[in-house]
Amino acid sequence: MWGRKGEEIIRELANWEMRKWGSVGCYDDFLVKIK
């Protein structure tokens, strides 16, 4: 849906979210937010 570039951007944002909260579980929450 997003394309390859979109995937890279989403992955970077997800990594930033995980660093910010210090929790790997935030990745799932992040994916839910963007859908």
C-alpha atoms as a PDB file:
ATOM      1  CA  MET A   1       0.000   0.000   0.000  1.00  0.00           C
ATOM      2  CA  TRP A   2       2.753   2.438   0.952  1.00  0.00           C
ATOM      3  CA  GLY A   3       5.360   1.209  -1.470  1.00  0.00           C
ATOM      4  CA  ARG A   4       9.004   0.543  -0.732  1.00  0.00           C
ATOM      5  CA  LYS A   5       9.838   4.146   0.244  1.00  0.00           C
ATOM      6  CA  GLY A   6       6.818   4.279   2.520  1.00  0.00           C
ATOM      7  CA  GLU A   7       7.972   1.085   4.232  1.00  0.00           C
ATOM      8  CA  GLU A   8      11.375   2.663   4.939  1.00  0.00           C
ATOM      9  CA  ILE A   9       9.779   5.804   6.374  1.00  0.00           C
ATOM     10  CA  ILE A  10       7.374   3.793   8.525  1.00  0.00           C
ATOM     11  CA  ARG A  11      10.228   1.620   9.774  1.00  0.00           C
ATOM     12  CA  GLU A  12      12.275   4.685  10.760  1.00  0.00           C
ATOM     13  CA  LEU A  13       9.313   6.228  12.568  1.00  0.00           C
ATOM     14  CA  ALA A  14       8.628   2.932  14.337  1.00  0.00           C
ATOM     15  CA  ASN A  15      12.273   2.727  15.434  1.00  0.00           C
ATOM     16  CA  TRP A  16      12.025   6.291  16.782  1.00  0.00           C
ATOM     17  CA  GLU A  17       8.854   5.357  18.685  1.00  0.00           C
ATOM     18  CA  MET A  18      10.590   2.327  20.198  1.00  0.00           C
ATOM     19  CA  ARG A  19      13.583   4.421  21.301  1.00  0.00           C
ATOM     20  CA  LYS A  20      11.279   7.085  22.713  1.00  0.00           C
ATOM     21  CA  TRP A  21       9.254   4.644  24.809  1.00  0.00           C
ATOM     22  CA  GLY A  22      12.028   2.073  25.296  1.00  0.00           C
ATOM     23  CA  SER A  23       9.618  -0.742  24.498  1.00  0.00           C
ATOM     24  CA  VAL A  24       9.553  -3.132  21.557  1.00  0.00           C
ATOM     25  CA  GLY A  25       5.806  -3.586  22.065  1.00  0.00           C
ATOM     26  CA  CYS A  26       5.274  -0.022  20.809  1.00  0.00           C
ATOM     27  CA  TYR A  27       5.918  -1.244  17.261  1.00  0.00           C
ATOM     28  CA  ASP A  28       2.594  -3.117  17.224  1.00  0.00           C
ATOM     29  CA  ASP A  29       0.782  -0.079  18.647  1.00  0.00           C
ATOM     30  CA  PHE A  30       2.408   2.089  15.993  1.00  0.00           C
ATOM     31  CA  LEU A  31       1.238  -0.200  13.191  1.00  0.00           C
ATOM     32  CA  VAL A  32      -2.302  -0.048  14.579  1.00  0.00           C
ATOM     33  CA  LYS A  33      -2.179   3.766  14.620  1.00  0.00           C
ATOM     34  CA  ILE A  34      -1.265   4.138  10.948  1.00  0.00           C
ATOM     35  CA  LYS A  35      -3.899   1.696   9.689  1.00  0.00           C
END
